[in-house]
């Protein structure tokens, strides 16, 4: 999707780890988030929650205290793209005055995450492999006791839009990191304990670029691993069903401590 509305000035990704569909979601707005609180309307009528498909979701503020900078947003029955994984949606705000909340009481809600951080850990800007590739061309090293964050900048593999807005020129959007599309493999077997799907997050840096943070956890001395992540994204101009696969592969060399 392109930028949702030209009258909206700011955007940030929300990540949700899920196990069922549909499911209510609750998102806490960080009180330390100056970019949001310094630019949102005091009556929050400029806020929108937009799905990866480019449509506004049913959502509501379950709490809002502008003076003390506290707020919780709930999404009503968020539909997942697949049977499990980390799904993306987007918070917009600033400029527009158009209240579109739909009041409801969330039930059995899971947590959506707004992660405020600069990219950290091992940072990769060109980590993309072609679909079907199984042999990684990139290598990192770690000790077996380390839990290492891998930050992957999404800019190189998202398509450009002819009408950039607010410094962002992406047209393609990330949909989901599937549960079957993230793993660590040794000897042909998936090692589920060695990566953290539930702690996979998206962050947005000061320039507006979106990074995905993955965590590779402890392993075994002297055994090399293949880390993979398959990201599902929309294609330019298409609905969310028109997806493509972005494959990220890394050879992890696990040294003797």
C-alpha atoms as a PDB file:
ATOM      1  CA  UNK A   1       0.000   0.000   0.000  1.00  0.00           C
ATOM      2  CA  UNK A   2       1.001   3.618  -0.405  1.00  0.00           C
ATOM      3  CA  UNK A   3       0.880   6.083   2.474  1.00  0.00           C
ATOM      4  CA  UNK A   4      -2.655   5.723   3.844  1.00  0.00           C
ATOM      5  CA  UNK A   5      -3.735   9.376   3.756  1.00  0.00           C
ATOM      6  CA  UNK A   6      -1.777  12.452   2.653  1.00  0.00           C
ATOM      7  CA  UNK A   7      -3.185  14.422   5.591  1.00  0.00           C
ATOM      8  CA  UNK A   8      -1.565  12.043   8.085  1.00  0.00           C
ATOM      9  CA  UNK A   9       2.011  13.024   8.881  1.00  0.00           C
ATOM     10  CA  UNK A  10       3.519  10.147  10.884  1.00  0.00           C
ATOM     11  CA  UNK A  11       3.526   6.372  10.887  1.00  0.00           C
ATOM     12  CA  UNK A  12       5.039   3.562  12.951  1.00  0.00           C
ATOM     13  CA  UNK A  13       4.868  -0.258  12.655  1.00  0.00           C
ATOM     14  CA  UNK A  14       3.150  -2.457  15.245  1.00  0.00           C
ATOM     15  CA  UNK A  15       4.100  -6.124  15.570  1.00  0.00           C
ATOM     16  CA  UNK A  16       1.793  -8.768  17.020  1.00  0.00           C
ATOM     17  CA  UNK A  17       2.781 -12.354  17.815  1.00  0.00           C
ATOM     18  CA  UNK A  18      -0.296 -14.518  17.540  1.00  0.00           C
ATOM     19  CA  UNK A  19      -1.655 -18.026  17.828  1.00  0.00           C
ATOM     20  CA  UNK A  20      -5.295 -17.648  16.808  1.00  0.00           C
ATOM     21  CA  UNK A  21      -7.467 -15.724  14.368  1.00  0.00           C
ATOM     22  CA  UNK A  22      -9.345 -13.472  14.759  1.00  0.00           C
ATOM     23  CA  UNK A  23      -7.992 -12.077  18.012  1.00  0.00           C
ATOM     24  CA  UNK A  24      -8.285  -8.810  19.919  1.00  0.00           C
ATOM     25  CA  UNK A  25      -5.067  -6.865  20.427  1.00  0.00           C
ATOM     26  CA  UNK A  26      -4.033  -4.221  22.974  1.00  0.00           C
ATOM     27  CA  UNK A  27      -1.176  -1.785  22.353  1.00  0.00           C
ATOM     28  CA  UNK A  28       0.297   0.533  24.977  1.00  0.00           C
ATOM     29  CA  UNK A  29       1.589   3.858  23.657  1.00  0.00           C
ATOM     30  CA  UNK A  30       4.968   4.499  25.367  1.00  0.00           C
ATOM     31  CA  UNK A  31       4.886   7.609  27.544  1.00  0.00           C
ATOM     32  CA  UNK A  32       8.488   8.386  26.535  1.00  0.00           C
ATOM     33  CA  UNK A  33       7.585   8.562  22.836  1.00  0.00           C
ATOM     34  CA  UNK A  34       8.042  12.261  22.066  1.00  0.00           C
ATOM     35  CA  UNK A  35       7.430  11.852  18.330  1.00  0.00           C
ATOM     36  CA  UNK A  36       3.903  10.679  19.079  1.00  0.00           C
ATOM     37  CA  UNK A  37       2.933  12.826  22.060  1.00  0.00           C
ATOM     38  CA  UNK A  38       4.416  16.052  20.659  1.00  0.00           C
ATOM     39  CA  UNK A  39       2.507  15.684  17.372  1.00  0.00           C
ATOM     40  CA  UNK A  40      -0.797  13.939  18.164  1.00  0.00           C
ATOM     41  CA  UNK A  41      -3.979  15.947  18.705  1.00  0.00           C
ATOM     42  CA  UNK A  42      -4.989  16.223  22.340  1.00  0.00           C
ATOM     43  CA  UNK A  43      -8.356  14.626  21.497  1.00  0.00           C
ATOM     44  CA  UNK A  44      -6.614  11.865  19.413  1.00  0.00           C
ATOM     45  CA  UNK A  45      -8.939  12.410  16.431  1.00  0.00           C
ATOM     46  CA  UNK A  46      -5.961  12.132  14.061  1.00  0.00           C
ATOM     47  CA  UNK A  47      -5.101   8.538  15.011  1.00  0.00           C
ATOM     48  CA  UNK A  48      -5.649   5.609  12.617  1.00  0.00           C
ATOM     49  CA  UNK A  49      -4.767   1.909  12.857  1.00  0.00           C
ATOM     50  CA  UNK A  50      -4.196   0.464   9.382  1.00  0.00           C
ATOM     51  CA  UNK A  51      -3.781  -3.166   8.401  1.00  0.00           C
ATOM     52  CA  UNK A  52      -1.024  -4.554   6.193  1.00  0.00           C
ATOM     53  CA  UNK A  53      -3.640  -4.634   3.413  1.00  0.00           C
ATOM     54  CA  UNK A  54      -4.084  -0.851   3.575  1.00  0.00           C
ATOM     55  CA  UNK A  55      -7.527  -0.804   5.208  1.00  0.00           C
ATOM     56  CA  UNK A  56      -8.507   0.793   8.500  1.00  0.00           C
ATOM     57  CA  UNK A  57      -9.073  -1.723  11.284  1.00  0.00           C
ATOM     58  CA  UNK A  58     -11.835  -1.630  13.898  1.00  0.00           C
ATOM     59  CA  UNK A  59     -10.108  -0.103  16.900  1.00  0.00           C
ATOM     60  CA  UNK A  60     -10.678   1.979  20.008  1.00  0.00           C
ATOM     61  CA  UNK A  61      -8.767   3.846  22.718  1.00  0.00           C
ATOM     62  CA  UNK A  62      -9.521   1.924  25.909  1.00  0.00           C
ATOM     63  CA  UNK A  63      -7.631   4.594  27.838  1.00  0.00           C
ATOM     64  CA  UNK A  64      -6.347   8.073  26.955  1.00  0.00           C
ATOM     65  CA  UNK A  65      -4.642  10.643  29.189  1.00  0.00           C
ATOM     66  CA  UNK A  66      -2.987  13.286  27.051  1.00  0.00           C
ATOM     67  CA  UNK A  67      -1.685  15.338  29.974  1.00  0.00           C
ATOM     68  CA  UNK A  68       0.099  12.361  31.532  1.00  0.00           C
ATOM     69  CA  UNK A  69       0.999  10.782  28.170  1.00  0.00           C
ATOM     70  CA  UNK A  70      -0.631   7.403  28.744  1.00  0.00           C
ATOM     71  CA  UNK A  71      -2.835   5.524  26.301  1.00  0.00           C
ATOM     72  CA  UNK A  72      -3.919   2.030  25.314  1.00  0.00           C
ATOM     73  CA  UNK A  73      -5.331   1.142  21.903  1.00  0.00           C
ATOM     74  CA  UNK A  74      -7.393  -2.004  21.279  1.00  0.00           C
ATOM     75  CA  UNK A  75      -7.933  -3.674  17.897  1.00  0.00           C
ATOM     76  CA  UNK A  76     -11.154  -5.623  17.447  1.00  0.00           C
ATOM     77  CA  UNK A  77     -10.712  -9.110  15.998  1.00  0.00           C
ATOM     78  CA  UNK A  78      -7.479  -8.700  14.052  1.00  0.00           C
ATOM     79  CA  UNK A  79      -7.289 -11.285  11.277  1.00  0.00           C
ATOM     80  CA  UNK A  80      -3.995 -13.045  10.750  1.00  0.00           C
ATOM     81  CA  UNK A  81      -2.485 -13.681   7.382  1.00  0.00           C
ATOM     82  CA  UNK A  82      -1.539 -17.283   8.176  1.00  0.00           C
ATOM     83  CA  UNK A  83      -1.859 -19.814  10.990  1.00  0.00           C
ATOM     84  CA  UNK A  84       0.878 -18.320  13.123  1.00  0.00           C
ATOM     85  CA  UNK A  85       3.720 -15.836  13.214  1.00  0.00           C
ATOM     86  CA  UNK A  86       4.314 -12.132  13.682  1.00  0.00           C
ATOM     87  CA  UNK A  87       1.854  -9.907  11.832  1.00  0.00           C
ATOM     88  CA  UNK A  88       2.337  -6.221  11.030  1.00  0.00           C
ATOM     89  CA  UNK A  89      -0.080  -3.302  11.219  1.00  0.00           C
ATOM     90  CA  UNK A  90       0.550   0.442  11.321  1.00  0.00           C
ATOM     91  CA  UNK A  91      -0.225   3.388  13.611  1.00  0.00           C
ATOM     92  CA  UNK A  92      -0.762   6.727  11.823  1.00  0.00           C
ATOM     93  CA  UNK A  93      -1.220  10.123  13.445  1.00  0.00           C
ATOM     94  CA  UNK A  94      -0.722  13.874  13.046  1.00  0.00           C
ATOM     95  CA  UNK A  95      -2.555  16.469  10.962  1.00  0.00           C
ATOM     96  CA  UNK A  96      -5.901  14.830  10.211  1.00  0.00           C
ATOM     97  CA  UNK A  97      -9.047  15.533  12.271  1.00  0.00           C
ATOM     98  CA  UNK A  98     -11.273  12.526  11.645  1.00  0.00           C
ATOM     99  CA  UNK A  99     -12.416  10.417  14.597  1.00  0.00           C
ATOM    100  CA  UNK A 100     -13.077   6.859  13.403  1.00  0.00           C
ATOM    101  CA  UNK A 101     -12.912   4.854  16.625  1.00  0.00           C
ATOM    102  CA  UNK A 102     -15.317   1.949  17.074  1.00  0.00           C
ATOM    103  CA  UNK A 103     -16.027   1.462  20.818  1.00  0.00           C
ATOM    104  CA  UNK A 104     -15.864  -2.136  22.013  1.00  0.00           C
ATOM    105  CA  UNK A 105     -14.635  -4.155  25.013  1.00  0.00           C
ATOM    106  CA  UNK A 106     -11.594  -6.294  24.130  1.00  0.00           C
ATOM    107  CA  UNK A 107     -11.625  -9.940  25.219  1.00  0.00           C
ATOM    108  CA  UNK A 108      -8.630 -12.263  25.708  1.00  0.00           C
ATOM    109  CA  UNK A 109      -6.453  -9.696  23.976  1.00  0.00           C
ATOM    110  CA  UNK A 110      -2.858 -10.374  22.970  1.00  0.00           C
ATOM    111  CA  UNK A 111      -0.189  -7.669  23.090  1.00  0.00           C
ATOM    112  CA  UNK A 112       0.819  -5.543  20.143  1.00  0.00           C
ATOM    113  CA  UNK A 113       4.275  -3.961  20.354  1.00  0.00           C
ATOM    114  CA  UNK A 114       5.494  -0.486  19.512  1.00  0.00           C
ATOM    115  CA  UNK A 115       9.236  -0.933  19.913  1.00  0.00           C
ATOM    116  CA  UNK A 116      11.199   2.302  20.252  1.00  0.00           C
ATOM    117  CA  UNK A 117      14.884   1.767  19.605  1.00  0.00           C
ATOM    118  CA  UNK A 118      17.601   2.454  17.136  1.00  0.00           C
ATOM    119  CA  UNK A 119      18.784  -0.601  15.178  1.00  0.00           C
ATOM    120  CA  UNK A 120      21.085  -2.709  17.336  1.00  0.00           C
ATOM    121  CA  UNK A 121      23.050  -5.944  17.310  1.00  0.00           C
ATOM    122  CA  UNK A 122      24.381  -7.284  14.000  1.00  0.00           C
ATOM    123  CA  UNK A 123      22.958  -4.982  11.359  1.00  0.00           C
ATOM    124  CA  UNK A 124      22.400  -6.126   7.781  1.00  0.00           C
ATOM    125  CA  UNK A 125      21.280  -3.938   4.933  1.00  0.00           C
ATOM    126  CA  UNK A 126      21.518  -6.442   2.076  1.00  0.00           C
ATOM    127  CA  UNK A 127      20.502  -9.780   3.555  1.00  0.00           C
ATOM    128  CA  UNK A 128      18.059 -10.877   0.875  1.00  0.00           C
ATOM    129  CA  UNK A 129      18.349 -14.175  -1.017  1.00  0.00           C
ATOM    130  CA  UNK A 130      16.230 -15.345  -3.945  1.00  0.00           C
ATOM    131  CA  UNK A 131      13.218 -17.597  -3.224  1.00  0.00           C
ATOM    132  CA  UNK A 132      14.266 -21.226  -2.989  1.00  0.00           C
ATOM    133  CA  UNK A 133      17.888 -20.514  -2.048  1.00  0.00           C
ATOM    134  CA  UNK A 134      19.050 -22.719   0.855  1.00  0.00           C
ATOM    135  CA  UNK A 135      22.787 -21.932   1.052  1.00  0.00           C
ATOM    136  CA  UNK A 136      23.540 -18.624   2.805  1.00  0.00           C
ATOM    137  CA  UNK A 137      25.987 -16.195   1.253  1.00  0.00           C
ATOM    138  CA  UNK A 138      26.453 -14.174   4.461  1.00  0.00           C
ATOM    139  CA  UNK A 139      28.286 -15.204   7.614  1.00  0.00           C
ATOM    140  CA  UNK A 140      28.349 -13.955  11.213  1.00  0.00           C
ATOM    141  CA  UNK A 141      30.054 -15.336  14.311  1.00  0.00           C
ATOM    142  CA  UNK A 142      28.902 -15.717  17.927  1.00  0.00           C
ATOM    143  CA  UNK A 143      29.758 -17.726  21.016  1.00  0.00           C
ATOM    144  CA  UNK A 144      27.370 -20.464  22.100  1.00  0.00           C
ATOM    145  CA  UNK A 145      26.142 -18.609  25.199  1.00  0.00           C
ATOM    146  CA  UNK A 146      25.280 -15.430  23.305  1.00  0.00           C
ATOM    147  CA  UNK A 147      21.783 -14.325  22.397  1.00  0.00           C
ATOM    148  CA  UNK A 148      22.380 -12.176  19.334  1.00  0.00           C
ATOM    149  CA  UNK A 149      19.973  -9.718  17.752  1.00  0.00           C
ATOM    150  CA  UNK A 150      20.059  -9.535  13.965  1.00  0.00           C
ATOM    151  CA  UNK A 151      18.710  -6.288  12.558  1.00  0.00           C
ATOM    152  CA  UNK A 152      17.654  -6.389   8.896  1.00  0.00           C
ATOM    153  CA  UNK A 153      16.889  -3.161   7.076  1.00  0.00           C
ATOM    154  CA  UNK A 154      13.855  -3.673   4.834  1.00  0.00           C
ATOM    155  CA  UNK A 155      14.460  -0.720   2.506  1.00  0.00           C
ATOM    156  CA  UNK A 156      16.536  -2.616  -0.100  1.00  0.00           C
ATOM    157  CA  UNK A 157      13.765  -5.070  -0.907  1.00  0.00           C
ATOM    158  CA  UNK A 158      10.619  -2.947  -0.675  1.00  0.00           C
ATOM    159  CA  UNK A 159       9.496  -1.370  -3.944  1.00  0.00           C
ATOM    160  CA  UNK A 160       9.376   2.364  -4.483  1.00  0.00           C
ATOM    161  CA  UNK A 161       6.266   4.477  -4.868  1.00  0.00           C
ATOM    162  CA  UNK A 162       6.099   7.344  -7.392  1.00  0.00           C
ATOM    163  CA  UNK A 163       4.410   9.512  -4.761  1.00  0.00           C
ATOM    164  CA  UNK A 164       6.553   9.579  -1.596  1.00  0.00           C
ATOM    165  CA  UNK A 165       4.966  11.044   1.520  1.00  0.00           C
ATOM    166  CA  UNK A 166       6.725  12.431   4.592  1.00  0.00           C
ATOM    167  CA  UNK A 167      10.098  11.075   3.488  1.00  0.00           C
ATOM    168  CA  UNK A 168       8.801   7.550   2.911  1.00  0.00           C
ATOM    169  CA  UNK A 169       8.798   6.183  -0.641  1.00  0.00           C
ATOM    170  CA  UNK A 170       7.695   2.589  -0.095  1.00  0.00           C
ATOM    171  CA  UNK A 171       4.692   1.111  -1.784  1.00  0.00           C
ATOM    172  CA  UNK A 172       5.146  -2.506  -0.805  1.00  0.00           C
ATOM    173  CA  UNK A 173       4.422  -3.466   2.805  1.00  0.00           C
ATOM    174  CA  UNK A 174       5.488  -6.221   5.167  1.00  0.00           C
ATOM    175  CA  UNK A 175       2.590  -8.533   5.971  1.00  0.00           C
ATOM    176  CA  UNK A 176       3.969 -11.185   8.287  1.00  0.00           C
ATOM    177  CA  UNK A 177       6.894 -13.266   9.451  1.00  0.00           C
ATOM    178  CA  UNK A 178       5.397 -16.725   9.347  1.00  0.00           C
ATOM    179  CA  UNK A 179       5.904 -19.307  12.079  1.00  0.00           C
ATOM    180  CA  UNK A 180       7.226 -21.727   9.463  1.00  0.00           C
ATOM    181  CA  UNK A 181       9.408 -19.027   7.976  1.00  0.00           C
ATOM    182  CA  UNK A 182      11.784 -18.440  10.872  1.00  0.00           C
ATOM    183  CA  UNK A 183      14.275 -20.927  12.215  1.00  0.00           C
ATOM    184  CA  UNK A 184      17.773 -22.194  12.922  1.00  0.00           C
ATOM    185  CA  UNK A 185      18.901 -25.409  11.297  1.00  0.00           C
ATOM    186  CA  UNK A 186      21.718 -27.819  12.102  1.00  0.00           C
ATOM    187  CA  UNK A 187      22.161 -31.033  10.171  1.00  0.00           C
ATOM    188  CA  UNK A 188      18.855 -30.532   8.383  1.00  0.00           C
ATOM    189  CA  UNK A 189      16.753 -30.257  11.572  1.00  0.00           C
ATOM    190  CA  UNK A 190      15.022 -27.140  12.881  1.00  0.00           C
ATOM    191  CA  UNK A 191      16.258 -26.042  16.325  1.00  0.00           C
ATOM    192  CA  UNK A 192      13.240 -24.215  17.744  1.00  0.00           C
ATOM    193  CA  UNK A 193      14.949 -23.339  21.037  1.00  0.00           C
ATOM    194  CA  UNK A 194      17.632 -21.352  19.234  1.00  0.00           C
ATOM    195  CA  UNK A 195      15.510 -18.475  17.964  1.00  0.00           C
ATOM    196  CA  UNK A 196      12.753 -16.302  19.366  1.00  0.00           C
ATOM    197  CA  UNK A 197       9.749 -15.878  17.082  1.00  0.00           C
ATOM    198  CA  UNK A 198       7.681 -14.296  19.859  1.00  0.00           C
ATOM    199  CA  UNK A 199      10.310 -11.591  20.454  1.00  0.00           C
ATOM    200  CA  UNK A 200      10.686 -10.652  16.796  1.00  0.00           C
ATOM    201  CA  UNK A 201      10.003  -6.926  16.508  1.00  0.00           C
ATOM    202  CA  UNK A 202       9.892  -4.095  13.994  1.00  0.00           C
ATOM    203  CA  UNK A 203      11.475  -0.733  14.672  1.00  0.00           C
ATOM    204  CA  UNK A 204      11.593   2.446  12.638  1.00  0.00           C
ATOM    205  CA  UNK A 205      14.758   4.530  12.600  1.00  0.00           C
ATOM    206  CA  UNK A 206      15.013   8.325  12.487  1.00  0.00           C
ATOM    207  CA  UNK A 207      14.972   8.345   8.681  1.00  0.00           C
ATOM    208  CA  UNK A 208      11.729   6.349   8.534  1.00  0.00           C
ATOM    209  CA  UNK A 209      13.292   3.052   7.455  1.00  0.00           C
ATOM    210  CA  UNK A 210      11.786  -0.095   8.993  1.00  0.00           C
ATOM    211  CA  UNK A 211      14.111  -2.714  10.470  1.00  0.00           C
ATOM    212  CA  UNK A 212      13.178  -6.202  11.649  1.00  0.00           C
ATOM    213  CA  UNK A 213      14.945  -7.419  14.800  1.00  0.00           C
ATOM    214  CA  UNK A 214      15.431 -11.187  15.091  1.00  0.00           C
ATOM    215  CA  UNK A 215      17.000 -12.987  18.051  1.00  0.00           C
ATOM    216  CA  UNK A 216      19.292 -15.997  17.725  1.00  0.00           C
ATOM    217  CA  UNK A 217      19.682 -17.725  21.080  1.00  0.00           C
ATOM    218  CA  UNK A 218      22.282 -20.011  22.650  1.00  0.00           C
ATOM    219  CA  UNK A 219      23.565 -23.033  20.740  1.00  0.00           C
ATOM    220  CA  UNK A 220      26.446 -25.499  20.927  1.00  0.00           C
ATOM    221  CA  UNK A 221      30.175 -24.812  20.624  1.00  0.00           C
ATOM    222  CA  UNK A 222      31.843 -25.342  17.235  1.00  0.00           C
ATOM    223  CA  UNK A 223      28.614 -26.229  15.375  1.00  0.00           C
ATOM    224  CA  UNK A 224      27.650 -23.871  12.539  1.00  0.00           C
ATOM    225  CA  UNK A 225      23.986 -22.967  12.037  1.00  0.00           C
ATOM    226  CA  UNK A 226      21.862 -21.675   9.210  1.00  0.00           C
ATOM    227  CA  UNK A 227      19.483 -18.947  10.336  1.00  0.00           C
ATOM    228  CA  UNK A 228      16.585 -18.202   8.013  1.00  0.00           C
ATOM    229  CA  UNK A 229      13.677 -15.776   7.972  1.00  0.00           C
ATOM    230  CA  UNK A 230      11.017 -15.663   5.280  1.00  0.00           C
ATOM    231  CA  UNK A 231       9.123 -12.388   5.170  1.00  0.00           C
ATOM    232  CA  UNK A 232       5.767 -12.194   3.400  1.00  0.00           C
ATOM    233  CA  UNK A 233       5.084  -8.828   1.801  1.00  0.00           C
ATOM    234  CA  UNK A 234       2.517  -7.288  -0.504  1.00  0.00           C
ATOM    235  CA  UNK A 235       3.442  -6.348  -4.049  1.00  0.00           C
ATOM    236  CA  UNK A 236       2.986  -2.806  -5.391  1.00  0.00           C
ATOM    237  CA  UNK A 237      -0.626  -1.955  -6.032  1.00  0.00           C
ATOM    238  CA  UNK A 238      -1.895  -5.344  -4.894  1.00  0.00           C
ATOM    239  CA  UNK A 239      -4.111  -6.539  -2.100  1.00  0.00           C
ATOM    240  CA  UNK A 240      -2.517  -8.563   0.674  1.00  0.00           C
ATOM    241  CA  UNK A 241      -3.194 -11.799  -1.207  1.00  0.00           C
ATOM    242  CA  UNK A 242      -0.725 -10.667  -3.878  1.00  0.00           C
ATOM    243  CA  UNK A 243       2.294 -11.484  -1.775  1.00  0.00           C
ATOM    244  CA  UNK A 244       5.908 -12.295  -2.461  1.00  0.00           C
ATOM    245  CA  UNK A 245       8.560 -14.043  -0.419  1.00  0.00           C
ATOM    246  CA  UNK A 246      11.691 -12.338   0.858  1.00  0.00           C
ATOM    247  CA  UNK A 247      14.270 -14.828   2.100  1.00  0.00           C
ATOM    248  CA  UNK A 248      17.011 -13.949   4.598  1.00  0.00           C
ATOM    249  CA  UNK A 249      19.731 -16.548   5.222  1.00  0.00           C
ATOM    250  CA  UNK A 250      22.793 -16.362   7.469  1.00  0.00           C
ATOM    251  CA  UNK A 251      25.513 -18.859   8.285  1.00  0.00           C
ATOM    252  CA  UNK A 252      26.201 -18.546  12.032  1.00  0.00           C
ATOM    253  CA  UNK A 253      29.653 -19.711  13.069  1.00  0.00           C
ATOM    254  CA  UNK A 254      29.507 -20.773  16.730  1.00  0.00           C
ATOM    255  CA  UNK A 255      33.010 -20.509  18.177  1.00  0.00           C
ATOM    256  CA  UNK A 256      34.536 -22.300  21.165  1.00  0.00           C
ATOM    257  CA  UNK A 257      34.291 -20.217  24.342  1.00  0.00           C
END
